[in-house]
Amino acid sequence: MQHTDSSRRRLRSAPAYERRYGYSRGIAEDPFIFISGTTALDPVTFTVAGDTAQQTQRAWNSIIAALGQVESGPAEIVRVSCMVIDPADAPTVLALSREALIRGQDPESAPAELPAMTLVGVTQLFNPRMRVAIEVTALWRGYTLRRQ
């Protein structure tokens, strides 16, 4: 069955890579936005570099850019799943995730309504250089109103 509802939007970050492996960075379909597991993959060179902190920041930058494609951002995120290959990296990933989630806000007055979050340890990701992958679900706030 083919989906024909025009409210579905595909979000892209590395189109050639995503086409090659058959997925989209994200899908926005009223009232949700689903962002695929996002890593530090460079969208031009398809390489992965950096330590866990650098990779986490790069992943969050890609997630926030994808959300921006549908006029959304960190405040609309309701669920986060993080995968790390070394459980010792959990504090780094969690701290940087909090920073990304409150980006643009005063850390002392950040909302108490932070999203639900799960962090799991895995033995390996798709590319052995990848140290962290993050996926999110967000609300597509206001989409229905903008459509009317």
N, C-alpha and C. Protein backbone atom coordinates (compact mmCIF):
# COMPACT_ATOMS: atom_id res chain seq x y z
N MET A 1 0.84 -1.17 0.00
CA MET A 1 0.00 0.00 0.00
C MET A 1 0.89 1.25 0.00
N GLN A 2 0.69 2.13 -0.91
CA GLN A 2 1.48 3.35 -1.00
C GLN A 2 0.82 4.45 -0.19
N HIS A 3 1.67 5.17 0.55
CA HIS A 3 1.18 6.27 1.38
C HIS A 3 1.05 7.52 0.51
N THR A 4 -0.12 8.14 0.53
CA THR A 4 -0.32 9.30 -0.33
C THR A 4 -0.63 10.58 0.45
N ASP A 5 -0.68 10.51 1.77
CA ASP A 5 -0.98 11.69 2.58
C ASP A 5 0.15 12.70 2.43
N SER A 6 -0.18 13.91 2.03
CA SER A 6 0.84 14.92 1.79
C SER A 6 1.45 15.46 3.08
N SER A 7 0.94 15.03 4.26
CA SER A 7 1.51 15.51 5.51
C SER A 7 2.82 14.81 5.85
N ARG A 8 3.16 13.73 5.18
CA ARG A 8 4.42 13.03 5.45
C ARG A 8 5.56 13.74 4.76
N ARG A 9 6.62 14.02 5.54
CA ARG A 9 7.81 14.67 5.00
C ARG A 9 9.02 13.81 5.32
N ARG A 10 9.86 13.60 4.34
CA ARG A 10 11.13 12.88 4.55
C ARG A 10 12.21 13.90 4.84
N LEU A 11 12.99 13.64 5.87
CA LEU A 11 14.07 14.53 6.26
C LEU A 11 15.38 13.89 5.83
N ARG A 12 16.26 14.66 5.25
CA ARG A 12 17.51 14.13 4.73
C ARG A 12 18.71 14.82 5.36
N SER A 13 19.82 14.07 5.46
CA SER A 13 21.07 14.69 5.91
C SER A 13 22.23 14.27 5.01
N ALA A 14 22.19 13.05 4.52
CA ALA A 14 23.21 12.54 3.60
C ALA A 14 22.47 11.75 2.52
N PRO A 15 21.82 12.44 1.58
CA PRO A 15 20.93 11.77 0.64
C PRO A 15 21.53 10.57 -0.10
N ALA A 16 22.76 10.68 -0.57
CA ALA A 16 23.35 9.57 -1.32
C ALA A 16 23.52 8.35 -0.41
N TYR A 17 23.98 8.56 0.79
CA TYR A 17 24.17 7.47 1.76
C TYR A 17 22.81 6.87 2.14
N GLU A 18 21.84 7.74 2.41
CA GLU A 18 20.52 7.26 2.80
C GLU A 18 19.86 6.47 1.67
N ARG A 19 20.01 6.92 0.43
CA ARG A 19 19.46 6.17 -0.71
C ARG A 19 20.15 4.81 -0.83
N ARG A 20 21.49 4.82 -0.67
CA ARG A 20 22.26 3.58 -0.79
C ARG A 20 21.76 2.51 0.18
N TYR A 21 21.44 2.93 1.41
CA TYR A 21 21.05 1.97 2.43
C TYR A 21 19.55 1.93 2.70
N GLY A 22 18.77 2.69 1.95
CA GLY A 22 17.32 2.56 1.98
C GLY A 22 16.62 3.11 3.20
N TYR A 23 16.98 4.31 3.61
CA TYR A 23 16.30 4.93 4.74
C TYR A 23 16.33 6.44 4.61
N SER A 24 15.60 7.11 5.49
CA SER A 24 15.63 8.57 5.58
C SER A 24 16.17 8.94 6.95
N ARG A 25 16.83 10.08 7.06
CA ARG A 25 17.28 10.57 8.36
C ARG A 25 16.11 10.64 9.31
N GLY A 26 14.98 11.08 8.77
CA GLY A 26 13.79 11.15 9.61
C GLY A 26 12.53 11.21 8.77
N ILE A 27 11.43 11.00 9.46
CA ILE A 27 10.11 11.11 8.86
C ILE A 27 9.28 11.98 9.77
N ALA A 28 8.66 12.99 9.20
CA ALA A 28 7.71 13.82 9.94
C ALA A 28 6.33 13.48 9.42
N GLU A 29 5.50 13.00 10.31
CA GLU A 29 4.11 12.71 9.95
C GLU A 29 3.26 13.11 11.14
N ASP A 30 2.39 14.04 10.90
CA ASP A 30 1.55 14.62 11.94
C ASP A 30 0.99 13.54 12.85
N PRO A 31 1.24 13.61 14.15
CA PRO A 31 1.83 14.70 14.92
C PRO A 31 3.27 14.43 15.37
N PHE A 32 3.97 13.47 14.74
CA PHE A 32 5.29 13.09 15.22
C PHE A 32 6.39 13.33 14.20
N ILE A 33 7.62 13.38 14.72
CA ILE A 33 8.83 13.37 13.90
C ILE A 33 9.68 12.23 14.45
N PHE A 34 10.09 11.32 13.58
CA PHE A 34 10.93 10.19 13.97
C PHE A 34 12.29 10.37 13.31
N ILE A 35 13.34 10.47 14.13
CA ILE A 35 14.69 10.63 13.60
C ILE A 35 15.42 9.31 13.77
N SER A 36 15.98 8.78 12.67
CA SER A 36 16.73 7.53 12.68
C SER A 36 17.94 7.62 13.60
N GLY A 37 18.47 6.45 13.95
CA GLY A 37 19.72 6.42 14.70
C GLY A 37 20.75 7.27 13.97
N THR A 38 21.26 8.29 14.64
CA THR A 38 22.14 9.28 14.03
C THR A 38 23.52 9.18 14.65
N THR A 39 24.52 9.14 13.79
CA THR A 39 25.90 9.00 14.24
C THR A 39 26.71 10.21 13.76
N ALA A 40 28.02 10.11 13.89
CA ALA A 40 28.91 11.19 13.47
C ALA A 40 29.36 11.02 12.02
N LEU A 41 28.63 10.28 11.23
CA LEU A 41 28.99 10.06 9.83
C LEU A 41 29.04 11.39 9.08
N ASP A 42 30.15 11.66 8.43
CA ASP A 42 30.29 12.86 7.62
C ASP A 42 29.46 12.66 6.35
N PRO A 43 28.49 13.56 6.05
CA PRO A 43 27.60 13.35 4.92
C PRO A 43 28.27 13.48 3.55
N VAL A 44 29.47 14.02 3.50
CA VAL A 44 30.17 14.18 2.23
C VAL A 44 31.16 13.04 2.00
N THR A 45 31.99 12.76 3.01
CA THR A 45 33.03 11.75 2.85
C THR A 45 32.62 10.36 3.32
N PHE A 46 31.50 10.27 4.03
CA PHE A 46 31.02 9.01 4.61
C PHE A 46 32.03 8.40 5.57
N THR A 47 32.81 9.25 6.23
CA THR A 47 33.77 8.77 7.22
C THR A 47 33.30 9.17 8.62
N VAL A 48 33.88 8.50 9.61
CA VAL A 48 33.57 8.78 11.01
C VAL A 48 34.88 9.05 11.72
N ALA A 49 34.92 10.15 12.46
CA ALA A 49 36.15 10.49 13.19
C ALA A 49 35.78 11.09 14.53
N GLY A 50 36.76 11.15 15.41
CA GLY A 50 36.59 11.82 16.69
C GLY A 50 36.30 10.87 17.83
N ASP A 51 36.45 11.42 19.03
CA ASP A 51 36.16 10.64 20.23
C ASP A 51 34.66 10.65 20.50
N THR A 52 34.25 10.04 21.59
CA THR A 52 32.82 9.95 21.90
C THR A 52 32.18 11.32 22.03
N ALA A 53 32.85 12.25 22.68
CA ALA A 53 32.28 13.59 22.85
C ALA A 53 32.06 14.27 21.50
N GLN A 54 33.06 14.22 20.63
CA GLN A 54 32.94 14.85 19.31
C GLN A 54 31.84 14.17 18.49
N GLN A 55 31.78 12.84 18.57
CA GLN A 55 30.76 12.12 17.82
C GLN A 55 29.36 12.43 18.34
N THR A 56 29.22 12.54 19.65
CA THR A 56 27.92 12.86 20.23
C THR A 56 27.47 14.25 19.79
N GLN A 57 28.37 15.22 19.84
CA GLN A 57 28.02 16.57 19.40
C GLN A 57 27.64 16.59 17.93
N ARG A 58 28.38 15.87 17.10
CA ARG A 58 28.08 15.82 15.67
C ARG A 58 26.71 15.18 15.43
N ALA A 59 26.41 14.11 16.16
CA ALA A 59 25.11 13.45 16.01
C ALA A 59 23.98 14.41 16.40
N TRP A 60 24.14 15.10 17.53
CA TRP A 60 23.10 16.05 17.94
C TRP A 60 22.95 17.19 16.94
N ASN A 61 24.04 17.67 16.37
CA ASN A 61 23.95 18.72 15.36
C ASN A 61 23.14 18.24 14.15
N SER A 62 23.35 16.99 13.75
CA SER A 62 22.60 16.42 12.62
C SER A 62 21.13 16.27 12.97
N ILE A 63 20.84 15.84 14.19
CA ILE A 63 19.45 15.67 14.63
C ILE A 63 18.74 17.02 14.63
N ILE A 64 19.38 18.02 15.21
CA ILE A 64 18.76 19.34 15.30
C ILE A 64 18.57 19.94 13.91
N ALA A 65 19.52 19.72 13.01
CA ALA A 65 19.38 20.19 11.63
C ALA A 65 18.20 19.50 10.94
N ALA A 66 18.05 18.20 11.17
CA ALA A 66 16.92 17.47 10.56
C ALA A 66 15.59 18.01 11.10
N LEU A 67 15.51 18.23 12.40
CA LEU A 67 14.29 18.79 12.98
C LEU A 67 14.00 20.18 12.39
N GLY A 68 15.04 20.94 12.15
CA GLY A 68 14.88 22.27 11.58
C GLY A 68 14.26 22.25 10.19
N GLN A 69 14.39 21.14 9.48
CA GLN A 69 13.80 21.04 8.14
C GLN A 69 12.28 21.14 8.18
N VAL A 70 11.68 20.88 9.36
CA VAL A 70 10.22 20.98 9.51
C VAL A 70 9.88 21.95 10.64
N GLU A 71 10.74 22.99 10.78
CA GLU A 71 10.50 24.05 11.75
C GLU A 71 10.28 23.52 13.16
N SER A 72 11.10 22.57 13.55
CA SER A 72 11.04 21.99 14.89
C SER A 72 12.41 22.12 15.53
N GLY A 73 12.54 21.70 16.76
CA GLY A 73 13.81 21.79 17.44
C GLY A 73 13.85 20.96 18.71
N PRO A 74 14.89 21.12 19.51
CA PRO A 74 15.08 20.29 20.70
C PRO A 74 13.92 20.34 21.70
N ALA A 75 13.23 21.46 21.80
CA ALA A 75 12.13 21.58 22.76
C ALA A 75 10.97 20.64 22.44
N GLU A 76 10.87 20.20 21.18
CA GLU A 76 9.78 19.29 20.80
C GLU A 76 10.13 17.82 20.96
N ILE A 77 11.36 17.50 21.33
CA ILE A 77 11.77 16.10 21.50
C ILE A 77 11.11 15.53 22.75
N VAL A 78 10.48 14.36 22.58
CA VAL A 78 9.80 13.70 23.71
C VAL A 78 10.46 12.38 24.10
N ARG A 79 11.30 11.83 23.25
CA ARG A 79 11.93 10.54 23.54
C ARG A 79 13.29 10.50 22.87
N VAL A 80 14.30 10.01 23.62
CA VAL A 80 15.67 9.88 23.11
C VAL A 80 16.16 8.48 23.43
N SER A 81 16.78 7.83 22.46
CA SER A 81 17.46 6.55 22.69
C SER A 81 18.91 6.71 22.25
N CYS A 82 19.82 6.44 23.17
CA CYS A 82 21.25 6.52 22.87
C CYS A 82 21.86 5.13 22.94
N MET A 83 22.73 4.83 22.01
CA MET A 83 23.46 3.57 22.01
C MET A 83 24.94 3.89 22.05
N VAL A 84 25.65 3.30 23.00
CA VAL A 84 27.10 3.51 23.12
C VAL A 84 27.80 2.17 23.10
N ILE A 85 29.00 2.14 22.53
CA ILE A 85 29.72 0.87 22.50
C ILE A 85 30.54 0.66 23.76
N ASP A 86 30.76 1.72 24.54
CA ASP A 86 31.50 1.59 25.79
C ASP A 86 30.67 2.23 26.90
N PRO A 87 30.14 1.44 27.83
CA PRO A 87 29.33 2.00 28.91
C PRO A 87 30.04 3.09 29.71
N ALA A 88 31.35 3.10 29.71
CA ALA A 88 32.09 4.15 30.41
C ALA A 88 31.85 5.52 29.77
N ASP A 89 31.37 5.54 28.52
CA ASP A 89 31.09 6.80 27.83
C ASP A 89 29.71 7.36 28.18
N ALA A 90 28.92 6.63 28.95
CA ALA A 90 27.55 7.07 29.28
C ALA A 90 27.51 8.48 29.88
N PRO A 91 28.33 8.82 30.88
CA PRO A 91 28.24 10.17 31.44
C PRO A 91 28.50 11.27 30.40
N THR A 92 29.43 11.04 29.50
CA THR A 92 29.72 12.02 28.46
C THR A 92 28.53 12.18 27.53
N VAL A 93 27.98 11.07 27.07
CA VAL A 93 26.84 11.12 26.14
C VAL A 93 25.63 11.77 26.82
N LEU A 94 25.38 11.43 28.06
CA LEU A 94 24.23 12.01 28.77
C LEU A 94 24.40 13.51 28.99
N ALA A 95 25.59 13.93 29.38
CA ALA A 95 25.84 15.36 29.61
C ALA A 95 25.69 16.16 28.32
N LEU A 96 26.26 15.65 27.23
CA LEU A 96 26.17 16.37 25.95
C LEU A 96 24.75 16.33 25.40
N SER A 97 24.03 15.26 25.68
CA SER A 97 22.63 15.18 25.26
C SER A 97 21.80 16.23 25.99
N ARG A 98 22.03 16.38 27.29
CA ARG A 98 21.31 17.40 28.04
C ARG A 98 21.61 18.79 27.46
N GLU A 99 22.87 19.05 27.16
CA GLU A 99 23.24 20.34 26.56
C GLU A 99 22.48 20.57 25.25
N ALA A 100 22.41 19.54 24.42
CA ALA A 100 21.71 19.68 23.14
C ALA A 100 20.22 19.91 23.35
N LEU A 101 19.65 19.24 24.33
CA LEU A 101 18.22 19.34 24.57
C LEU A 101 17.81 20.70 25.14
N ILE A 102 18.72 21.38 25.80
CA ILE A 102 18.39 22.70 26.35
C ILE A 102 19.08 23.81 25.58
N ARG A 103 19.62 23.49 24.41
CA ARG A 103 20.34 24.47 23.58
C ARG A 103 19.52 25.74 23.41
N GLY A 104 20.19 26.85 23.62
CA GLY A 104 19.54 28.14 23.47
C GLY A 104 18.80 28.61 24.70
N GLN A 105 18.84 27.81 25.77
CA GLN A 105 18.17 28.18 27.02
C GLN A 105 19.21 28.35 28.12
N ASP A 106 18.84 29.05 29.16
CA ASP A 106 19.70 29.17 30.33
C ASP A 106 19.69 27.82 31.05
N PRO A 107 20.86 27.17 31.23
CA PRO A 107 20.89 25.84 31.87
C PRO A 107 20.25 25.81 33.25
N GLU A 108 20.30 26.92 33.97
CA GLU A 108 19.72 26.95 35.31
C GLU A 108 18.20 27.03 35.28
N SER A 109 17.65 27.56 34.20
CA SER A 109 16.19 27.68 34.12
C SER A 109 15.61 26.79 33.04
N ALA A 110 16.37 25.78 32.64
CA ALA A 110 15.90 24.85 31.60
C ALA A 110 14.64 24.16 32.10
N PRO A 111 13.74 23.85 31.20
CA PRO A 111 12.48 23.23 31.61
C PRO A 111 12.69 21.87 32.27
N ALA A 112 11.86 21.60 33.24
CA ALA A 112 11.90 20.30 33.90
C ALA A 112 11.32 19.22 33.00
N GLU A 113 10.67 19.61 31.93
CA GLU A 113 10.02 18.66 31.03
C GLU A 113 10.99 18.14 29.98
N LEU A 114 12.11 17.62 30.42
CA LEU A 114 13.05 17.01 29.48
C LEU A 114 12.45 15.69 29.00
N PRO A 115 12.87 15.19 27.85
CA PRO A 115 12.25 14.00 27.28
C PRO A 115 12.61 12.72 28.05
N ALA A 116 11.84 11.69 27.77
CA ALA A 116 12.18 10.35 28.24
C ALA A 116 13.46 9.94 27.53
N MET A 117 14.34 9.22 28.23
CA MET A 117 15.61 8.85 27.61
C MET A 117 16.02 7.43 28.04
N THR A 118 16.57 6.72 27.09
CA THR A 118 17.14 5.40 27.33
C THR A 118 18.55 5.41 26.79
N LEU A 119 19.48 4.82 27.54
CA LEU A 119 20.85 4.68 27.06
C LEU A 119 21.22 3.21 27.23
N VAL A 120 21.65 2.59 26.14
CA VAL A 120 22.03 1.18 26.19
C VAL A 120 23.44 0.99 25.65
N GLY A 121 24.09 -0.02 26.15
CA GLY A 121 25.40 -0.40 25.63
C GLY A 121 25.22 -1.47 24.56
N VAL A 122 25.94 -1.31 23.47
CA VAL A 122 25.91 -2.28 22.37
C VAL A 122 27.35 -2.68 22.07
N THR A 123 27.53 -3.80 21.41
CA THR A 123 28.89 -4.26 21.13
C THR A 123 29.52 -3.55 19.95
N GLN A 124 28.71 -3.16 18.96
CA GLN A 124 29.25 -2.46 17.80
C GLN A 124 28.12 -1.83 17.02
N LEU A 125 28.42 -0.72 16.35
CA LEU A 125 27.49 -0.08 15.45
C LEU A 125 27.89 -0.43 14.02
N PHE A 126 27.16 0.09 13.04
CA PHE A 126 27.36 -0.24 11.63
C PHE A 126 28.81 -0.11 11.18
N ASN A 127 29.43 0.99 11.57
CA ASN A 127 30.83 1.23 11.23
C ASN A 127 31.63 1.08 12.53
N PRO A 128 32.69 0.28 12.56
CA PRO A 128 33.43 0.06 13.80
C PRO A 128 34.01 1.34 14.43
N ARG A 129 34.12 2.42 13.67
CA ARG A 129 34.62 3.69 14.23
C ARG A 129 33.53 4.45 15.00
N MET A 130 32.28 4.08 14.77
CA MET A 130 31.17 4.76 15.44
C MET A 130 31.13 4.37 16.91
N ARG A 131 31.08 5.38 17.77
CA ARG A 131 31.06 5.14 19.22
C ARG A 131 29.69 5.39 19.84
N VAL A 132 28.83 6.14 19.14
CA VAL A 132 27.52 6.49 19.67
C VAL A 132 26.53 6.68 18.52
N ALA A 133 25.28 6.30 18.79
CA ALA A 133 24.17 6.56 17.87
C ALA A 133 23.00 7.05 18.71
N ILE A 134 22.28 8.03 18.17
CA ILE A 134 21.17 8.63 18.91
C ILE A 134 19.96 8.70 17.99
N GLU A 135 18.79 8.28 18.50
CA GLU A 135 17.56 8.45 17.75
C GLU A 135 16.55 9.16 18.63
N VAL A 136 15.68 9.93 17.99
CA VAL A 136 14.71 10.70 18.76
C VAL A 136 13.33 10.63 18.14
N THR A 137 12.35 10.89 18.98
CA THR A 137 10.97 11.11 18.56
C THR A 137 10.58 12.48 19.09
N ALA A 138 9.99 13.29 18.23
CA ALA A 138 9.57 14.63 18.61
C ALA A 138 8.12 14.85 18.21
N LEU A 139 7.50 15.82 18.84
CA LEU A 139 6.17 16.23 18.42
C LEU A 139 6.32 17.28 17.34
N TRP A 140 5.50 17.17 16.32
CA TRP A 140 5.52 18.15 15.23
C TRP A 140 4.51 19.23 15.60
N ARG A 141 4.86 20.01 16.60
CA ARG A 141 3.95 21.02 17.16
C ARG A 141 3.54 22.05 16.11
N GLY A 142 2.26 22.28 16.07
CA GLY A 142 1.76 23.33 15.20
C GLY A 142 1.56 22.92 13.75
N TYR A 143 1.99 21.71 13.38
CA TYR A 143 1.85 21.33 11.98
C TYR A 143 0.39 21.37 11.55
N THR A 144 -0.48 20.78 12.34
CA THR A 144 -1.88 20.74 11.99
C THR A 144 -2.44 22.15 11.84
N LEU A 145 -2.05 23.05 12.73
CA LEU A 145 -2.52 24.42 12.66
C LEU A 145 -1.97 25.13 11.42
N ARG A 146 -0.72 24.90 11.07
CA ARG A 146 -0.11 25.55 9.90
C ARG A 146 -0.78 25.07 8.62
N ARG A 147 -1.28 23.86 8.62
CA ARG A 147 -1.89 23.23 7.45
C ARG A 147 -3.29 23.79 7.15
N GLN A 148 -3.95 24.30 8.17
CA GLN A 148 -5.35 24.74 8.01
C GLN A 148 -5.45 26.10 7.38
